[in-house]
Amino acid sequence: LIKTPTWDVVAWNRAATLVLADYG
């Protein structure tokens, strides 16, 4: 994933969706 300095997640891949969180 890609995050900002305030730790907002602005991009991720499918593996992140299934393992970490469904950010979409």
mmCIF file of all heavy atoms, coordinates in Angstrom:
data_MODEL
# 
_entry.id   MODEL 
# 
loop_
_atom_site.group_PDB 
_atom_site.id 
_atom_site.type_symbol 
_atom_site.label_atom_id 
_atom_site.label_alt_id 
_atom_site.label_comp_id 
_atom_site.label_asym_id 
_atom_site.label_entity_id 
_atom_site.label_seq_id 
_atom_site.pdbx_PDB_ins_code 
_atom_site.Cartn_x 
_atom_site.Cartn_y 
_atom_site.Cartn_z 
_atom_site.occupancy 
_atom_site.B_iso_or_equiv 
_atom_site.pdbx_formal_charge 
_atom_site.auth_seq_id 
_atom_site.auth_comp_id 
_atom_site.auth_asym_id 
_atom_site.auth_atom_id 
_atom_site.pdbx_PDB_model_num 
ATOM 1   N N   . LEU A 1 1  ? 0.843   -1.198  0.000  1.00 0.00 ? 1  LEU A N   1 
ATOM 2   C CA  . LEU A 1 1  ? 0.000   0.000   0.000  1.00 0.00 ? 1  LEU A CA  1 
ATOM 3   C C   . LEU A 1 1  ? 0.872   1.238   0.000  1.00 0.00 ? 1  LEU A C   1 
ATOM 4   O O   . LEU A 1 1  ? 2.086   1.167   0.231  1.00 0.00 ? 1  LEU A O   1 
ATOM 5   C CB  . LEU A 1 1  ? -0.947  -0.020  1.208  1.00 0.00 ? 1  LEU A CB  1 
ATOM 6   C CG  . LEU A 1 1  ? -0.342  -0.172  2.616  1.00 0.00 ? 1  LEU A CG  1 
ATOM 7   C CD1 . LEU A 1 1  ? 0.136   1.158   3.167  1.00 0.00 ? 1  LEU A CD1 1 
ATOM 8   C CD2 . LEU A 1 1  ? -1.355  -0.789  3.563  1.00 0.00 ? 1  LEU A CD2 1 
ATOM 9   N N   . ILE A 1 2  ? 0.238   2.377   -0.265 1.00 0.00 ? 2  ILE A N   1 
ATOM 10  C CA  . ILE A 1 2  ? 0.914   3.668   -0.217 1.00 0.00 ? 2  ILE A CA  1 
ATOM 11  C C   . ILE A 1 2  ? 0.151   4.563   0.744  1.00 0.00 ? 2  ILE A C   1 
ATOM 12  O O   . ILE A 1 2  ? -1.085  4.647   0.684  1.00 0.00 ? 2  ILE A O   1 
ATOM 13  C CB  . ILE A 1 2  ? 0.993   4.312   -1.612 1.00 0.00 ? 2  ILE A CB  1 
ATOM 14  C CG1 . ILE A 1 2  ? 1.927   3.478   -2.499 1.00 0.00 ? 2  ILE A CG1 1 
ATOM 15  C CG2 . ILE A 1 2  ? 1.501   5.751   -1.529 1.00 0.00 ? 2  ILE A CG2 1 
ATOM 16  C CD1 . ILE A 1 2  ? 2.012   3.962   -3.923 1.00 0.00 ? 2  ILE A CD1 1 
ATOM 17  N N   . LYS A 1 3  ? 0.885   5.216   1.645  1.00 0.00 ? 3  LYS A N   1 
ATOM 18  C CA  . LYS A 1 3  ? 0.264   6.048   2.667  1.00 0.00 ? 3  LYS A CA  1 
ATOM 19  C C   . LYS A 1 3  ? 0.854   7.458   2.648  1.00 0.00 ? 3  LYS A C   1 
ATOM 20  O O   . LYS A 1 3  ? 1.952   7.683   2.147  1.00 0.00 ? 3  LYS A O   1 
ATOM 21  C CB  . LYS A 1 3  ? 0.452   5.435   4.057  1.00 0.00 ? 3  LYS A CB  1 
ATOM 22  C CG  . LYS A 1 3  ? 1.885   5.482   4.556  1.00 0.00 ? 3  LYS A CG  1 
ATOM 23  C CD  . LYS A 1 3  ? 1.974   5.085   6.005  1.00 0.00 ? 3  LYS A CD  1 
ATOM 24  C CE  . LYS A 1 3  ? 3.390   5.309   6.544  1.00 0.00 ? 3  LYS A CE  1 
ATOM 25  N NZ  . LYS A 1 3  ? 3.775   6.728   6.582  1.00 0.00 ? 3  LYS A NZ  1 
ATOM 26  N N   . THR A 1 4  ? 0.106   8.388   3.236  1.00 0.00 ? 4  THR A N   1 
ATOM 27  C CA  . THR A 1 4  ? 0.531   9.776   3.372  1.00 0.00 ? 4  THR A CA  1 
ATOM 28  C C   . THR A 1 4  ? 1.195   9.978   4.736  1.00 0.00 ? 4  THR A C   1 
ATOM 29  O O   . THR A 1 4  ? 1.185   9.069   5.580  1.00 0.00 ? 4  THR A O   1 
ATOM 30  C CB  . THR A 1 4  ? -0.675  10.716  3.257  1.00 0.00 ? 4  THR A CB  1 
ATOM 31  O OG1 . THR A 1 4  ? -1.499  10.533  4.421  1.00 0.00 ? 4  THR A OG1 1 
ATOM 32  C CG2 . THR A 1 4  ? -1.486  10.425  2.000  1.00 0.00 ? 4  THR A CG2 1 
ATOM 33  N N   . PRO A 1 5  ? 1.744   11.175  5.020  1.00 0.00 ? 5  PRO A N   1 
ATOM 34  C CA  . PRO A 1 5  ? 2.313   11.425  6.346  1.00 0.00 ? 5  PRO A CA  1 
ATOM 35  C C   . PRO A 1 5  ? 1.295   11.303  7.485  1.00 0.00 ? 5  PRO A C   1 
ATOM 36  O O   . PRO A 1 5  ? 1.683   11.027  8.623  1.00 0.00 ? 5  PRO A O   1 
ATOM 37  C CB  . PRO A 1 5  ? 2.849   12.858  6.235  1.00 0.00 ? 5  PRO A CB  1 
ATOM 38  C CG  . PRO A 1 5  ? 3.085   13.063  4.784  1.00 0.00 ? 5  PRO A CG  1 
ATOM 39  C CD  . PRO A 1 5  ? 2.023   12.284  4.086  1.00 0.00 ? 5  PRO A CD  1 
ATOM 40  N N   . THR A 1 6  ? 0.014   11.541  7.200  1.00 0.00 ? 6  THR A N   1 
ATOM 41  C CA  . THR A 1 6  ? -1.018  11.363  8.229  1.00 0.00 ? 6  THR A CA  1 
ATOM 42  C C   . THR A 1 6  ? -1.585  9.953   8.203  1.00 0.00 ? 6  THR A C   1 
ATOM 43  O O   . THR A 1 6  ? -2.614  9.686   8.810  1.00 0.00 ? 6  THR A O   1 
ATOM 44  C CB  . THR A 1 6  ? -2.151  12.392  8.053  1.00 0.00 ? 6  THR A CB  1 
ATOM 45  O OG1 . THR A 1 6  ? -2.610  12.380  6.708  1.00 0.00 ? 6  THR A OG1 1 
ATOM 46  C CG2 . THR A 1 6  ? -1.668  13.795  8.414  1.00 0.00 ? 6  THR A CG2 1 
ATOM 47  N N   . TRP A 1 7  ? -0.927  9.068   7.507  1.00 0.00 ? 7  TRP A N   1 
ATOM 48  C CA  . TRP A 1 7  ? -1.230  7.642   7.468  1.00 0.00 ? 7  TRP A CA  1 
ATOM 49  C C   . TRP A 1 7  ? -2.582  7.329   6.833  1.00 0.00 ? 7  TRP A C   1 
ATOM 50  O O   . TRP A 1 7  ? -3.262  6.377   7.202  1.00 0.00 ? 7  TRP A O   1 
ATOM 51  C CB  . TRP A 1 7  ? -1.093  7.030   8.870  1.00 0.00 ? 7  TRP A CB  1 
ATOM 52  C CG  . TRP A 1 7  ? 0.356   6.944   9.294  1.00 0.00 ? 7  TRP A CG  1 
ATOM 53  C CD1 . TRP A 1 7  ? 1.229   8.005   9.356  1.00 0.00 ? 7  TRP A CD1 1 
ATOM 54  C CD2 . TRP A 1 7  ? 1.096   5.798   9.668  1.00 0.00 ? 7  TRP A CD2 1 
ATOM 55  N NE1 . TRP A 1 7  ? 2.468   7.578   9.759  1.00 0.00 ? 7  TRP A NE1 1 
ATOM 56  C CE2 . TRP A 1 7  ? 2.425   6.227   9.967  1.00 0.00 ? 7  TRP A CE2 1 
ATOM 57  C CE3 . TRP A 1 7  ? 0.779   4.458   9.807  1.00 0.00 ? 7  TRP A CE3 1 
ATOM 58  C CZ2 . TRP A 1 7  ? 3.409   5.354   10.374 1.00 0.00 ? 7  TRP A CZ2 1 
ATOM 59  C CZ3 . TRP A 1 7  ? 1.766   3.576   10.226 1.00 0.00 ? 7  TRP A CZ3 1 
ATOM 60  C CH2 . TRP A 1 7  ? 3.066   4.032   10.492 1.00 0.00 ? 7  TRP A CH2 1 
ATOM 61  N N   . ASP A 1 8  ? -2.979  8.169   5.871  1.00 0.00 ? 8  ASP A N   1 
ATOM 62  C CA  . ASP A 1 8  ? -4.121  7.841   5.030  1.00 0.00 ? 8  ASP A CA  1 
ATOM 63  C C   . ASP A 1 8  ? -3.638  6.915   3.920  1.00 0.00 ? 8  ASP A C   1 
ATOM 64  O O   . ASP A 1 8  ? -2.638  7.209   3.252  1.00 0.00 ? 8  ASP A O   1 
ATOM 65  C CB  . ASP A 1 8  ? -4.722  9.104   4.411  1.00 0.00 ? 8  ASP A CB  1 
ATOM 66  C CG  . ASP A 1 8  ? -5.373  9.996   5.449  1.00 0.00 ? 8  ASP A CG  1 
ATOM 67  O OD1 . ASP A 1 8  ? -6.156  9.477   6.265  1.00 0.00 ? 8  ASP A OD1 1 
ATOM 68  O OD2 . ASP A 1 8  ? -5.091  11.212  5.452  1.00 0.00 ? 8  ASP A OD2 1 
ATOM 69  N N   . VAL A 1 9  ? -4.337  5.825   3.708  1.00 0.00 ? 9  VAL A N   1 
ATOM 70  C CA  . VAL A 1 9  ? -3.988  4.886   2.644  1.00 0.00 ? 9  VAL A CA  1 
ATOM 71  C C   . VAL A 1 9  ? -4.619  5.384   1.352  1.00 0.00 ? 9  VAL A C   1 
ATOM 72  O O   . VAL A 1 9  ? -5.842  5.529   1.265  1.00 0.00 ? 9  VAL A O   1 
ATOM 73  C CB  . VAL A 1 9  ? -4.478  3.467   2.975  1.00 0.00 ? 9  VAL A CB  1 
ATOM 74  C CG1 . VAL A 1 9  ? -4.187  2.510   1.816  1.00 0.00 ? 9  VAL A CG1 1 
ATOM 75  C CG2 . VAL A 1 9  ? -3.814  2.962   4.257  1.00 0.00 ? 9  VAL A CG2 1 
ATOM 76  N N   . VAL A 1 10 ? -3.787  5.654   0.340  1.00 0.00 ? 10 VAL A N   1 
ATOM 77  C CA  . VAL A 1 10 ? -4.292  6.224   -0.910 1.00 0.00 ? 10 VAL A CA  1 
ATOM 78  C C   . VAL A 1 10 ? -4.202  5.254   -2.076 1.00 0.00 ? 10 VAL A C   1 
ATOM 79  O O   . VAL A 1 10 ? -4.764  5.517   -3.143 1.00 0.00 ? 10 VAL A O   1 
ATOM 80  C CB  . VAL A 1 10 ? -3.550  7.535   -1.254 1.00 0.00 ? 10 VAL A CB  1 
ATOM 81  C CG1 . VAL A 1 10 ? -3.853  8.610   -0.233 1.00 0.00 ? 10 VAL A CG1 1 
ATOM 82  C CG2 . VAL A 1 10 ? -2.048  7.303   -1.375 1.00 0.00 ? 10 VAL A CG2 1 
ATOM 83  N N   . ALA A 1 11 ? -3.517  4.130   -1.905 1.00 0.00 ? 11 ALA A N   1 
ATOM 84  C CA  . ALA A 1 11 ? -3.450  3.115   -2.960 1.00 0.00 ? 11 ALA A CA  1 
ATOM 85  C C   . ALA A 1 11 ? -3.071  1.779   -2.321 1.00 0.00 ? 11 ALA A C   1 
ATOM 86  O O   . ALA A 1 11 ? -2.388  1.740   -1.296 1.00 0.00 ? 11 ALA A O   1 
ATOM 87  C CB  . ALA A 1 11 ? -2.442  3.510   -4.038 1.00 0.00 ? 11 ALA A CB  1 
ATOM 88  N N   . TRP A 1 12 ? -3.479  0.696   -2.954 1.00 0.00 ? 12 TRP A N   1 
ATOM 89  C CA  . TRP A 1 12 ? -3.247  -0.638  -2.406 1.00 0.00 ? 12 TRP A CA  1 
ATOM 90  C C   . TRP A 1 12 ? -3.397  -1.651  -3.533 1.00 0.00 ? 12 TRP A C   1 
ATOM 91  O O   . TRP A 1 12 ? -3.931  -1.343  -4.603 1.00 0.00 ? 12 TRP A O   1 
ATOM 92  C CB  . TRP A 1 12 ? -4.226  -0.935  -1.271 1.00 0.00 ? 12 TRP A CB  1 
ATOM 93  C CG  . TRP A 1 12 ? -5.671  -0.784  -1.698 1.00 0.00 ? 12 TRP A CG  1 
ATOM 94  C CD1 . TRP A 1 12 ? -6.501  -1.737  -2.230 1.00 0.00 ? 12 TRP A CD1 1 
ATOM 95  C CD2 . TRP A 1 12 ? -6.438  0.427   -1.679 1.00 0.00 ? 12 TRP A CD2 1 
ATOM 96  N NE1 . TRP A 1 12 ? -7.725  -1.210  -2.535 1.00 0.00 ? 12 TRP A NE1 1 
ATOM 97  C CE2 . TRP A 1 12 ? -7.721  0.117   -2.201 1.00 0.00 ? 12 TRP A CE2 1 
ATOM 98  C CE3 . TRP A 1 12 ? -6.165  1.742   -1.271 1.00 0.00 ? 12 TRP A CE3 1 
ATOM 99  C CZ2 . TRP A 1 12 ? -8.722  1.088   -2.327 1.00 0.00 ? 12 TRP A CZ2 1 
ATOM 100 C CZ3 . TRP A 1 12 ? -7.164  2.701   -1.408 1.00 0.00 ? 12 TRP A CZ3 1 
ATOM 101 C CH2 . TRP A 1 12 ? -8.435  2.370   -1.913 1.00 0.00 ? 12 TRP A CH2 1 
ATOM 102 N N   . ASN A 1 13 ? -2.939  -2.886  -3.301 1.00 0.00 ? 13 ASN A N   1 
ATOM 103 C CA  . ASN A 1 13 ? -3.139  -3.940  -4.287 1.00 0.00 ? 13 ASN A CA  1 
ATOM 104 C C   . ASN A 1 13 ? -4.153  -4.966  -3.762 1.00 0.00 ? 13 ASN A C   1 
ATOM 105 O O   . ASN A 1 13 ? -4.653  -4.848  -2.641 1.00 0.00 ? 13 ASN A O   1 
ATOM 106 C CB  . ASN A 1 13 ? -1.808  -4.607  -4.682 1.00 0.00 ? 13 ASN A CB  1 
ATOM 107 C CG  . ASN A 1 13 ? -1.105  -5.294  -3.511 1.00 0.00 ? 13 ASN A CG  1 
ATOM 108 O OD1 . ASN A 1 13 ? -1.655  -5.415  -2.412 1.00 0.00 ? 13 ASN A OD1 1 
ATOM 109 N ND2 . ASN A 1 13 ? 0.118   -5.743  -3.761 1.00 0.00 ? 13 ASN A ND2 1 
ATOM 110 N N   . ARG A 1 14 ? -4.457  -5.953  -4.593 1.00 0.00 ? 14 ARG A N   1 
ATOM 111 C CA  . ARG A 1 14 ? -5.493  -6.923  -4.234 1.00 0.00 ? 14 ARG A CA  1 
ATOM 112 C C   . ARG A 1 14 ? -5.084  -7.740  -3.010 1.00 0.00 ? 14 ARG A C   1 
ATOM 113 O O   . ARG A 1 14 ? -5.915  -8.073  -2.158 1.00 0.00 ? 14 ARG A O   1 
ATOM 114 C CB  . ARG A 1 14 ? -5.769  -7.856  -5.423 1.00 0.00 ? 14 ARG A CB  1 
ATOM 115 C CG  . ARG A 1 14 ? -6.833  -8.922  -5.133 1.00 0.00 ? 14 ARG A CG  1 
ATOM 116 C CD  . ARG A 1 14 ? -7.280  -9.632  -6.399 1.00 0.00 ? 14 ARG A CD  1 
ATOM 117 N NE  . ARG A 1 14 ? -8.234  -10.680 -6.073 1.00 0.00 ? 14 ARG A NE  1 
ATOM 118 C CZ  . ARG A 1 14 ? -7.901  -11.959 -5.929 1.00 0.00 ? 14 ARG A CZ  1 
ATOM 119 N NH1 . ARG A 1 14 ? -6.633  -12.337 -6.092 1.00 0.00 ? 14 ARG A NH1 1 
ATOM 120 N NH2 . ARG A 1 14 ? -8.822  -12.858 -5.632 1.00 0.00 ? 14 ARG A NH2 1 
ATOM 121 N N   . ALA A 1 15 ? -3.793  -8.058  -2.901 1.00 0.00 ? 15 ALA A N   1 
ATOM 122 C CA  . ALA A 1 15 ? -3.331  -8.811  -1.734 1.00 0.00 ? 15 ALA A CA  1 
ATOM 123 C C   . ALA A 1 15 ? -3.589  -8.034  -0.449 1.00 0.00 ? 15 ALA A C   1 
ATOM 124 O O   . ALA A 1 15 ? -3.985  -8.605  0.573  1.00 0.00 ? 15 ALA A O   1 
ATOM 125 C CB  . ALA A 1 15 ? -1.845  -9.138  -1.881 1.00 0.00 ? 15 ALA A CB  1 
ATOM 126 N N   . ALA A 1 16 ? -3.385  -6.701  -0.477 1.00 0.00 ? 16 ALA A N   1 
ATOM 127 C CA  . ALA A 1 16 ? -3.672  -5.877  0.700  1.00 0.00 ? 16 ALA A CA  1 
ATOM 128 C C   . ALA A 1 16 ? -5.161  -5.910  1.025  1.00 0.00 ? 16 ALA A C   1 
ATOM 129 O O   . ALA A 1 16 ? -5.566  -5.937  2.192  1.00 0.00 ? 16 ALA A O   1 
ATOM 130 C CB  . ALA A 1 16 ? -3.201  -4.446  0.478  1.00 0.00 ? 16 ALA A CB  1 
ATOM 131 N N   . THR A 1 17 ? -6.002  -5.900  -0.018 1.00 0.00 ? 17 THR A N   1 
ATOM 132 C CA  . THR A 1 17 ? -7.450  -5.950  0.195  1.00 0.00 ? 17 THR A CA  1 
ATOM 133 C C   . THR A 1 17 ? -7.850  -7.219  0.935  1.00 0.00 ? 17 THR A C   1 
ATOM 134 O O   . THR A 1 17 ? -8.666  -7.185  1.868  1.00 0.00 ? 17 THR A O   1 
ATOM 135 C CB  . THR A 1 17 ? -8.185  -5.887  -1.156 1.00 0.00 ? 17 THR A CB  1 
ATOM 136 O OG1 . THR A 1 17 ? -7.936  -4.615  -1.759 1.00 0.00 ? 17 THR A OG1 1 
ATOM 137 C CG2 . THR A 1 17 ? -9.681  -6.079  -0.987 1.00 0.00 ? 17 THR A CG2 1 
ATOM 138 N N   . LEU A 1 18 ? -7.276  -8.371  0.533  1.00 0.00 ? 18 LEU A N   1 
ATOM 139 C CA  . LEU A 1 18 ? -7.676  -9.644  1.117  1.00 0.00 ? 18 LEU A CA  1 
ATOM 140 C C   . LEU A 1 18 ? -7.006  -9.933  2.455  1.00 0.00 ? 18 LEU A C   1 
ATOM 141 O O   . LEU A 1 18 ? -7.580  -10.619 3.299  1.00 0.00 ? 18 LEU A O   1 
ATOM 142 C CB  . LEU A 1 18 ? -7.371  -10.775 0.129  1.00 0.00 ? 18 LEU A CB  1 
ATOM 143 C CG  . LEU A 1 18 ? -8.148  -10.714 -1.189 1.00 0.00 ? 18 LEU A CG  1 
ATOM 144 C CD1 . LEU A 1 18 ? -7.731  -11.862 -2.101 1.00 0.00 ? 18 LEU A CD1 1 
ATOM 145 C CD2 . LEU A 1 18 ? -9.648  -10.784 -0.920 1.00 0.00 ? 18 LEU A CD2 1 
ATOM 146 N N   . VAL A 1 19 ? -5.815  -9.405  2.650  1.00 0.00 ? 19 VAL A N   1 
ATOM 147 C CA  . VAL A 1 19 ? -5.068  -9.725  3.871  1.00 0.00 ? 19 VAL A CA  1 
ATOM 148 C C   . VAL A 1 19 ? -5.233  -8.654  4.946  1.00 0.00 ? 19 VAL A C   1 
ATOM 149 O O   . VAL A 1 19 ? -5.435  -8.967  6.123  1.00 0.00 ? 19 VAL A O   1 
ATOM 150 C CB  . VAL A 1 19 ? -3.571  -9.924  3.543  1.00 0.00 ? 19 VAL A CB  1 
ATOM 151 C CG1 . VAL A 1 19 ? -2.764  -10.094 4.832  1.00 0.00 ? 19 VAL A CG1 1 
ATOM 152 C CG2 . VAL A 1 19 ? -3.380  -11.121 2.626  1.00 0.00 ? 19 VAL A CG2 1 
ATOM 153 N N   . LEU A 1 20 ? -5.166  -7.372  4.554  1.00 0.00 ? 20 LEU A N   1 
ATOM 154 C CA  . LEU A 1 20 ? -5.160  -6.291  5.543  1.00 0.00 ? 20 LEU A CA  1 
ATOM 155 C C   . LEU A 1 20 ? -6.541  -5.686  5.750  1.00 0.00 ? 20 LEU A C   1 
ATOM 156 O O   . LEU A 1 20 ? -7.073  -5.688  6.859  1.00 0.00 ? 20 LEU A O   1 
ATOM 157 C CB  . LEU A 1 20 ? -4.162  -5.209  5.130  1.00 0.00 ? 20 LEU A CB  1 
ATOM 158 C CG  . LEU A 1 20 ? -2.714  -5.676  4.962  1.00 0.00 ? 20 LEU A CG  1 
ATOM 159 C CD1 . LEU A 1 20 ? -1.847  -4.547  4.431  1.00 0.00 ? 20 LEU A CD1 1 
ATOM 160 C CD2 . LEU A 1 20 ? -2.172  -6.211  6.282  1.00 0.00 ? 20 LEU A CD2 1 
ATOM 161 N N   . ALA A 1 21 ? -7.123  -5.125  4.700  1.00 0.00 ? 21 ALA A N   1 
ATOM 162 C CA  . ALA A 1 21 ? -8.444  -4.501  4.793  1.00 0.00 ? 21 ALA A CA  1 
ATOM 163 C C   . ALA A 1 21 ? -8.936  -4.213  3.383  1.00 0.00 ? 21 ALA A C   1 
ATOM 164 O O   . ALA A 1 21 ? -8.143  -3.943  2.481  1.00 0.00 ? 21 ALA A O   1 
ATOM 165 C CB  . ALA A 1 21 ? -8.386  -3.201  5.595  1.00 0.00 ? 21 ALA A CB  1 
ATOM 166 N N   . ASP A 1 22 ? -10.244 -4.254  3.211  1.00 0.00 ? 22 ASP A N   1 
ATOM 167 C CA  . ASP A 1 22 ? -10.831 -3.908  1.916  1.00 0.00 ? 22 ASP A CA  1 
ATOM 168 C C   . ASP A 1 22 ? -11.013 -2.395  1.875  1.00 0.00 ? 22 ASP A C   1 
ATOM 169 O O   . ASP A 1 22 ? -12.093 -1.856  2.114  1.00 0.00 ? 22 ASP A O   1 
ATOM 170 C CB  . ASP A 1 22 ? -12.175 -4.626  1.734  1.00 0.00 ? 22 ASP A CB  1 
ATOM 171 C CG  . ASP A 1 22 ? -12.693 -4.497  0.306  1.00 0.00 ? 22 ASP A CG  1 
ATOM 172 O OD1 . ASP A 1 22 ? -12.139 -3.673  -0.445 1.00 0.00 ? 22 ASP A OD1 1 
ATOM 173 O OD2 . ASP A 1 22 ? -13.644 -5.211  -0.047 1.00 0.00 ? 22 ASP A OD2 1 
ATOM 174 N N   . TYR A 1 23 ? -9.900  -1.697  1.568  1.00 0.00 ? 23 TYR A N   1 
ATOM 175 C CA  . TYR A 1 23 ? -9.918  -0.238  1.601  1.00 0.00 ? 23 TYR A CA  1 
ATOM 176 C C   . TYR A 1 23 ? -10.922 0.343   0.613  1.00 0.00 ? 23 TYR A C   1 
ATOM 177 O O   . TYR A 1 23 ? -11.491 1.409   0.844  1.00 0.00 ? 23 TYR A O   1 
ATOM 178 C CB  . TYR A 1 23 ? -8.520  0.311   1.310  1.00 0.00 ? 23 TYR A CB  1 
ATOM 179 C CG  . TYR A 1 23 ? -7.522  0.002   2.390  1.00 0.00 ? 23 TYR A CG  1 
ATOM 180 C CD1 . TYR A 1 23 ? -6.552  -0.990  2.214  1.00 0.00 ? 23 TYR A CD1 1 
ATOM 181 C CD2 . TYR A 1 23 ? -7.550  0.680   3.602  1.00 0.00 ? 23 TYR A CD2 1 
ATOM 182 C CE1 . TYR A 1 23 ? -5.638  -1.284  3.204  1.00 0.00 ? 23 TYR A CE1 1 
ATOM 183 C CE2 . TYR A 1 23 ? -6.632  0.393   4.601  1.00 0.00 ? 23 TYR A CE2 1 
ATOM 184 C CZ  . TYR A 1 23 ? -5.681  -0.584  4.398  1.00 0.00 ? 23 TYR A CZ  1 
ATOM 185 O OH  . TYR A 1 23 ? -4.778  -0.884  5.389  1.00 0.00 ? 23 TYR A OH  1 
ATOM 186 N N   . GLY A 1 24 ? -11.156 -0.355  -0.488 1.00 0.00 ? 24 GLY A N   1 
ATOM 187 C CA  . GLY A 1 24 ? -12.095 0.151   -1.473 1.00 0.00 ? 24 GLY A CA  1 
ATOM 188 C C   . GLY A 1 24 ? -13.524 0.212   -0.968 1.00 0.00 ? 24 GLY A C   1 
ATOM 189 O O   . GLY A 1 24 ? -14.331 1.006   -1.457 1.00 0.00 ? 24 GLY A O   1 
# 
